[in-house]
Amino acid sequence: MAEPGTKYPPELYVRFRQTPSSGDDDTLPLGRERQRAPNCCPQGAAALDSKNCSPTTDACEPEGERHLAARRMVNPQRKGRERQLAPRCCPQRAAALDSRNGSPAALARGAVFLDRDGVINNDGYYVNAPEDFELLPGAAAAIRKLNDAGIPVIVITNQGGVALEYIGARDLDVIHDRLDELLALEGAHVDAVYAALAHPDGKSKELCKVSEYRKPAAGMLYQAADDFGIDLARSVMVGDTTTDVAAGLNAGCKALLVKTGFGGSDGRSPAKPDAIVKDLAAAVDWILDKPNA
C-alpha cells in the first residue's frame, strides 16, 4: 500500500515500488519524496515529447504567470489543481532530489500509464488471487524497455471487486507482490500501482459510489501526477478498454488501445484512441518511436 503517513481516500489504493535506499532504511517506498523527480533519460523524454509535439521545459523555472499558465495547460478542464499537476521545484530542492536519483533534473516529465488486466496480464479475465496472475507474453520485456529509457511506468487499474467483496484490499498487495516478482525475473519493474476500489453497486457504504478515481474518470492519473511530478500532456495511457482510453484523454494524455484483453470490445465509451496496436510491446514501440511500431 502507500507510504506510511500518506493520506489517500478509502476508495483509492496506492502502492509505491519498494527499493533499497542509500540510507539506513532499505525499504523506503519510491513515493512522494523519492519519486517527485522521476528519472527520465534524454531519449525517453524525447520520445514522449515527440509524440505530444511539445518541447521539454525547465521545471525549476521561477514562479510567475508563464509558469502558472504552463501548469494550467496540463489539464485546462481540471480546475483548482493546477499547482499540484506540475509541482514547483526550487534549485535547492531539485539538487536534493537529483542527488537521490543520480541524474539531471527531470521534473514535469511524461510517464506511461498502464491498465493492468488485459494489458500486462491475464488476457480476458479478472484476477482475484495471486495464483491467477499471469503475465502476457512480451509484457515484462516491454516494461523493461520503458525502464531502460528512464520513463516512469505506473499501473492505473479499476478494482471494483473490492467494493463488490469479491476480493479484499489487502489481497491486492499479495497480487501485486506477484506482479513485482514476475517482472523482476525479467529485470523490469513498475514504479507504482493505483487502484480505484469503489463501484456504483458496492456492498459497503464507503465504497458504494460513483468515484472520481474510477476510470473513465481521470482521478487516478491526476493523483499520480501530483505524487510523481508528472506532466500529463507528455504522458501516454495504454489500455484494453474504451474506458481506459477515455481516462487517458480526460487527463490530457495520449491514449493507446491494445488488442489484447477486451481489445476495445467493451463499448462503454465513444472515446477514440490515438492509435490501436497489437499488444503492450507494440505500444511501447509506438511510444519510443521504433521503426517497427
Protein backbone atom coordinates (compact mmCIF):
# COMPACT_ATOMS: atom_id res chain seq x y z
CA MET A 1 0.00 0.00 0.00
CA ALA A 2 1.02 3.66 0.14
CA GLU A 3 3.90 5.16 2.06
CA PRO A 4 3.22 5.29 5.82
CA GLY A 5 1.68 8.60 6.79
CA THR A 6 0.39 9.35 3.29
CA LYS A 7 -3.31 10.18 3.29
CA TYR A 8 -5.47 8.85 0.49
CA PRO A 9 -9.25 8.36 0.46
CA PRO A 10 -10.54 4.83 1.26
CA GLU A 11 -11.61 4.35 -2.36
CA LEU A 12 -8.03 4.71 -3.63
CA TYR A 13 -5.34 2.05 -3.25
CA VAL A 14 -1.77 3.25 -3.80
CA ARG A 15 1.36 1.13 -3.77
CA PHE A 16 4.83 2.50 -4.49
CA ARG A 17 7.78 0.49 -5.69
CA GLN A 18 9.90 -0.89 -2.86
CA THR A 19 13.63 -0.41 -3.35
CA PRO A 20 16.76 -0.15 -1.16
CA SER A 21 17.76 3.40 -0.35
CA SER A 22 21.19 4.90 0.22
CA GLY A 23 20.43 5.45 3.90
CA ASP A 24 19.66 3.20 6.83
CA ASP A 25 16.11 2.44 5.75
CA ASP A 26 16.33 -0.14 2.99
CA THR A 27 12.57 -0.43 2.45
CA LEU A 28 11.67 3.20 1.70
CA PRO A 29 8.98 3.22 -0.98
CA LEU A 30 9.52 5.14 -4.18
CA GLY A 31 6.85 7.54 -3.03
CA ARG A 32 6.37 11.26 -2.76
CA GLU A 33 9.91 12.34 -1.82
CA ARG A 34 11.89 9.75 -3.71
CA GLN A 35 9.90 9.97 -6.91
CA ARG A 36 8.92 13.61 -7.10
CA ALA A 37 11.55 13.87 -9.83
CA PRO A 38 11.30 10.61 -11.82
CA ASN A 39 14.39 9.57 -13.74
CA CYS A 40 13.95 10.12 -17.44
CA CYS A 41 16.91 9.84 -19.78
CA PRO A 42 17.09 12.25 -22.76
CA GLN A 43 15.99 9.51 -25.17
CA GLY A 44 12.91 8.66 -23.13
CA ALA A 45 11.96 12.31 -22.66
CA ALA A 46 12.46 13.00 -26.36
CA ALA A 47 10.28 10.03 -27.33
CA LEU A 48 7.40 11.22 -25.20
CA ASP A 49 7.85 14.85 -26.24
CA SER A 50 7.91 13.96 -29.95
CA LYS A 51 4.60 12.11 -29.60
CA ASN A 52 3.00 15.12 -27.93
CA CYS A 53 4.65 17.77 -30.13
CA SER A 54 5.79 19.84 -27.16
CA PRO A 55 9.30 20.88 -26.13
CA THR A 56 10.79 19.89 -22.81
CA THR A 57 10.54 22.77 -20.35
CA ASP A 58 12.56 23.79 -17.34
CA ALA A 59 10.55 22.63 -14.31
CA CYS A 60 12.68 24.73 -11.95
CA GLU A 61 11.67 27.96 -13.65
CA PRO A 62 10.94 30.78 -11.16
CA GLU A 63 7.31 31.19 -10.12
CA GLY A 64 5.39 33.53 -12.42
CA GLU A 65 2.43 33.88 -14.70
CA ARG A 66 4.07 31.91 -17.52
CA HIS A 67 4.84 29.06 -15.14
CA LEU A 68 1.29 29.03 -13.77
CA ALA A 69 -0.08 29.09 -17.31
CA ALA A 70 2.02 26.06 -18.19
CA ARG A 71 0.51 24.19 -15.25
CA ARG A 72 -2.98 25.03 -16.41
CA MET A 73 -2.17 23.73 -19.89
CA VAL A 74 -1.55 20.28 -18.40
CA ASN A 75 -5.28 19.92 -17.98
CA PRO A 76 -7.35 23.06 -18.56
CA GLN A 77 -10.59 21.30 -17.54
CA ARG A 78 -9.29 20.30 -14.11
CA LYS A 79 -9.90 23.50 -12.15
CA GLY A 80 -8.32 24.10 -8.77
CA ARG A 81 -5.49 21.57 -9.07
CA GLU A 82 -3.04 23.37 -11.38
CA ARG A 83 -0.47 23.77 -8.65
CA GLN A 84 -0.28 20.04 -7.97
CA LEU A 85 -0.05 18.77 -11.54
CA ALA A 86 3.37 20.29 -12.19
CA PRO A 87 4.88 20.97 -8.76
CA ARG A 88 7.22 23.92 -8.49
CA CYS A 89 10.77 22.93 -7.67
CA CYS A 90 13.36 25.43 -6.47
CA PRO A 91 17.03 24.80 -7.44
CA GLN A 92 17.91 23.61 -3.93
CA ARG A 93 15.09 21.05 -3.84
CA ALA A 94 15.92 19.92 -7.37
CA ALA A 95 19.52 19.32 -6.35
CA ALA A 96 18.44 17.31 -3.31
CA LEU A 97 16.17 15.14 -5.41
CA ASP A 98 18.79 14.71 -8.12
CA SER A 99 21.33 13.53 -5.56
CA ARG A 100 18.92 10.69 -4.74
CA ASN A 101 18.14 9.85 -8.33
CA GLY A 102 21.66 10.27 -9.66
CA SER A 103 20.58 12.08 -12.83
CA PRO A 104 19.88 15.59 -14.14
CA ALA A 105 16.64 17.28 -13.17
CA ALA A 106 13.61 15.61 -14.76
CA LEU A 107 10.60 17.18 -13.08
CA ALA A 108 7.37 17.51 -15.06
CA ARG A 109 8.37 14.71 -17.46
CA GLY A 110 5.94 12.36 -19.09
CA ALA A 111 5.07 8.89 -17.85
CA VAL A 112 3.46 5.77 -19.27
CA PHE A 113 0.27 4.69 -17.53
CA LEU A 114 -0.74 1.06 -17.98
CA ASP A 115 -4.03 -0.63 -17.30
CA ARG A 116 -3.35 -3.94 -15.57
CA ASP A 117 -5.66 -6.83 -16.55
CA GLY A 118 -5.65 -7.39 -20.30
CA VAL A 119 -2.58 -5.21 -20.88
CA ILE A 120 0.12 -6.54 -18.55
CA ASN A 121 -1.53 -9.80 -17.53
CA ASN A 122 -4.42 -12.23 -17.99
CA ASP A 123 -5.88 -11.89 -21.45
CA GLY A 124 -9.63 -11.59 -20.97
CA TYR A 125 -10.38 -12.46 -17.36
CA TYR A 126 -10.05 -10.93 -13.91
CA VAL A 127 -7.58 -11.75 -11.16
CA ASN A 128 -8.83 -12.39 -7.62
CA ALA A 129 -5.86 -14.39 -6.28
CA PRO A 130 -2.09 -14.33 -6.87
CA GLU A 131 -2.12 -17.80 -8.39
CA ASP A 132 -4.43 -16.44 -11.11
CA PHE A 133 -1.93 -13.76 -12.10
CA GLU A 134 -0.02 -14.49 -15.32
CA LEU A 135 1.99 -12.01 -17.39
CA LEU A 136 1.06 -11.73 -21.05
CA PRO A 137 3.84 -12.73 -23.47
CA GLY A 138 6.28 -9.89 -24.03
CA ALA A 139 4.81 -7.66 -21.30
CA ALA A 140 7.81 -7.73 -18.99
CA ALA A 141 10.25 -7.08 -21.83
CA ALA A 142 8.13 -4.13 -22.97
CA ILE A 143 8.08 -2.63 -19.48
CA ARG A 144 11.83 -3.13 -19.22
CA LYS A 145 12.26 -1.05 -22.39
CA LEU A 146 10.47 1.81 -20.66
CA ASN A 147 12.57 1.30 -17.52
CA ASP A 148 15.74 1.41 -19.62
CA ALA A 149 14.56 4.62 -21.27
CA GLY A 150 14.05 6.17 -17.83
CA ILE A 151 10.30 6.65 -18.32
CA PRO A 152 8.16 6.17 -15.19
CA VAL A 153 5.74 3.25 -15.53
CA ILE A 154 2.58 3.48 -13.43
CA VAL A 155 -0.29 1.00 -13.29
CA ILE A 156 -3.79 2.52 -13.30
CA THR A 157 -6.48 -0.10 -12.63
CA ASN A 158 -10.13 -0.31 -11.65
CA GLN A 159 -10.58 -2.89 -8.89
CA GLY A 160 -14.28 -2.60 -8.14
CA GLY A 161 -14.20 -6.21 -6.97
CA VAL A 162 -13.12 -4.82 -3.62
CA ALA A 163 -16.37 -2.85 -3.31
CA LEU A 164 -18.31 -5.90 -4.53
CA GLU A 165 -16.46 -8.02 -1.93
CA TYR A 166 -15.01 -10.48 -4.43
CA ILE A 167 -11.57 -9.56 -3.11
CA GLY A 168 -10.10 -7.65 -0.18
CA ALA A 169 -7.90 -4.57 -0.43
CA ARG A 170 -5.11 -6.47 1.34
CA ASP A 171 -5.36 -9.22 -1.27
CA LEU A 172 -4.28 -6.64 -3.83
CA ASP A 173 -0.94 -6.37 -2.06
CA VAL A 174 -0.35 -10.10 -2.48
CA ILE A 175 -1.33 -9.96 -6.14
CA HIS A 176 0.98 -7.02 -6.71
CA ASP A 177 3.77 -8.84 -4.90
CA ARG A 178 3.32 -11.48 -7.60
CA LEU A 179 3.42 -8.79 -10.30
CA ASP A 180 6.67 -7.42 -8.88
CA GLU A 181 8.21 -10.89 -8.64
CA LEU A 182 7.38 -11.85 -12.21
CA LEU A 183 8.62 -8.55 -13.61
CA ALA A 184 11.82 -8.74 -11.56
CA LEU A 185 12.63 -12.12 -13.10
CA GLU A 186 12.99 -10.27 -16.41
CA GLY A 187 14.70 -7.19 -14.98
CA ALA A 188 11.62 -4.97 -15.12
CA HIS A 189 9.53 -3.02 -12.61
CA VAL A 190 6.59 -0.65 -12.28
CA ASP A 191 7.04 2.48 -10.21
CA ALA A 192 3.58 2.49 -8.64
CA VAL A 193 0.13 0.93 -8.73
CA TYR A 194 -3.04 3.00 -8.32
CA ALA A 195 -6.34 1.12 -7.98
CA ALA A 196 -9.85 2.52 -7.79
CA LEU A 197 -11.77 0.39 -5.28
CA ALA A 198 -15.25 1.93 -5.44
CA HIS A 199 -18.15 0.67 -7.55
CA PRO A 200 -21.67 2.08 -8.03
CA ASP A 201 -23.09 -1.25 -6.81
CA GLY A 202 -20.63 -1.68 -3.94
CA LYS A 203 -21.76 -3.51 -0.83
CA SER A 204 -20.21 -1.14 1.68
CA LYS A 205 -21.36 2.43 2.23
CA GLU A 206 -17.79 3.65 1.96
CA LEU A 207 -17.21 2.15 -1.48
CA CYS A 208 -20.70 2.25 -2.99
CA LYS A 209 -20.34 5.38 -5.08
CA VAL A 210 -19.53 6.93 -8.42
CA SER A 211 -15.89 7.71 -7.82
CA GLU A 212 -13.70 10.39 -9.36
CA TYR A 213 -10.92 7.79 -9.36
CA ARG A 214 -12.71 5.02 -11.26
CA LYS A 215 -12.00 5.06 -14.99
CA PRO A 216 -13.19 6.60 -17.26
CA ALA A 217 -12.74 9.40 -14.72
CA ALA A 218 -9.16 10.59 -14.59
CA GLY A 219 -8.70 10.88 -10.82
CA MET A 220 -6.01 8.19 -10.56
CA LEU A 221 -3.94 9.87 -13.26
CA TYR A 222 -4.31 13.26 -11.55
CA GLN A 223 -3.20 11.72 -8.25
CA ALA A 224 -0.18 10.07 -9.87
CA ALA A 225 0.72 13.38 -11.49
CA ASP A 226 0.59 15.02 -8.07
CA ASP A 227 2.66 12.29 -6.43
CA PHE A 228 5.35 11.99 -9.11
CA GLY A 229 5.53 15.47 -10.61
CA ILE A 230 4.31 14.18 -13.97
CA ASP A 231 3.30 16.34 -16.93
CA LEU A 232 0.16 14.62 -18.18
CA ALA A 233 0.38 16.38 -21.55
CA ARG A 234 3.60 14.45 -22.21
CA SER A 235 2.22 11.13 -20.96
CA VAL A 236 0.57 8.11 -22.58
CA MET A 237 -2.19 5.85 -21.27
CA VAL A 238 -2.25 2.27 -22.58
CA GLY A 239 -5.37 0.17 -22.07
CA ASP A 240 -7.57 -2.56 -23.50
CA THR A 241 -10.95 -0.89 -22.91
CA THR A 242 -12.64 2.25 -24.16
CA THR A 243 -12.84 3.45 -20.55
CA ASP A 244 -9.03 3.27 -20.35
CA VAL A 245 -8.83 5.39 -23.48
CA ALA A 246 -11.36 7.87 -22.08
CA ALA A 247 -9.47 8.19 -18.79
CA GLY A 248 -6.24 8.97 -20.61
CA LEU A 249 -7.86 11.53 -22.88
CA ASN A 250 -9.76 13.08 -19.95
CA ALA A 251 -6.42 13.62 -18.20
CA GLY A 252 -4.89 15.24 -21.28
CA CYS A 253 -2.67 12.26 -22.21
CA LYS A 254 -2.23 10.42 -25.46
CA ALA A 255 -4.15 7.12 -25.37
CA LEU A 256 -3.35 3.78 -27.00
CA LEU A 257 -5.72 0.82 -27.28
CA VAL A 258 -4.22 -2.69 -27.34
CA LYS A 259 -5.90 -5.66 -29.00
CA THR A 260 -5.22 -7.94 -26.03
CA GLY A 261 -7.76 -8.28 -23.21
CA PHE A 262 -11.05 -6.71 -24.25
CA GLY A 263 -9.42 -5.05 -27.24
CA GLY A 264 -11.93 -2.20 -27.03
CA SER A 265 -14.95 -4.52 -27.28
CA ASP A 266 -16.45 -3.20 -24.01
CA GLY A 267 -18.02 -0.30 -25.93
CA ARG A 268 -18.63 1.72 -22.76
CA SER A 269 -17.18 4.95 -24.11
CA PRO A 270 -17.14 6.64 -27.53
CA ALA A 271 -13.56 7.81 -26.88
CA LYS A 272 -11.18 7.22 -29.80
CA PRO A 273 -7.55 6.26 -29.14
CA ASP A 274 -4.59 7.94 -30.80
CA ALA A 275 -3.60 4.52 -32.12
CA ILE A 276 -4.67 0.87 -31.94
CA VAL A 277 -1.78 -1.55 -31.52
CA LYS A 278 -1.33 -5.30 -31.21
CA ASP A 279 -0.17 -5.51 -27.60
CA LEU A 280 1.92 -3.80 -24.93
CA ALA A 281 5.15 -4.47 -26.82
CA ALA A 282 3.75 -2.66 -29.87
CA ALA A 283 2.50 0.16 -27.66
CA VAL A 284 5.98 0.66 -26.22
CA ASP A 285 7.43 0.67 -29.74
CA TRP A 286 4.90 3.37 -30.66
CA ILE A 287 5.86 5.41 -27.63
CA LEU A 288 9.58 5.07 -28.25
CA ASP A 289 9.02 5.63 -31.99
CA LYS A 290 10.69 2.44 -33.15
CA PRO A 291 10.73 1.76 -36.89
CA ASN A 292 8.52 -1.31 -36.47
CA ALA A 293 5.91 0.43 -34.32
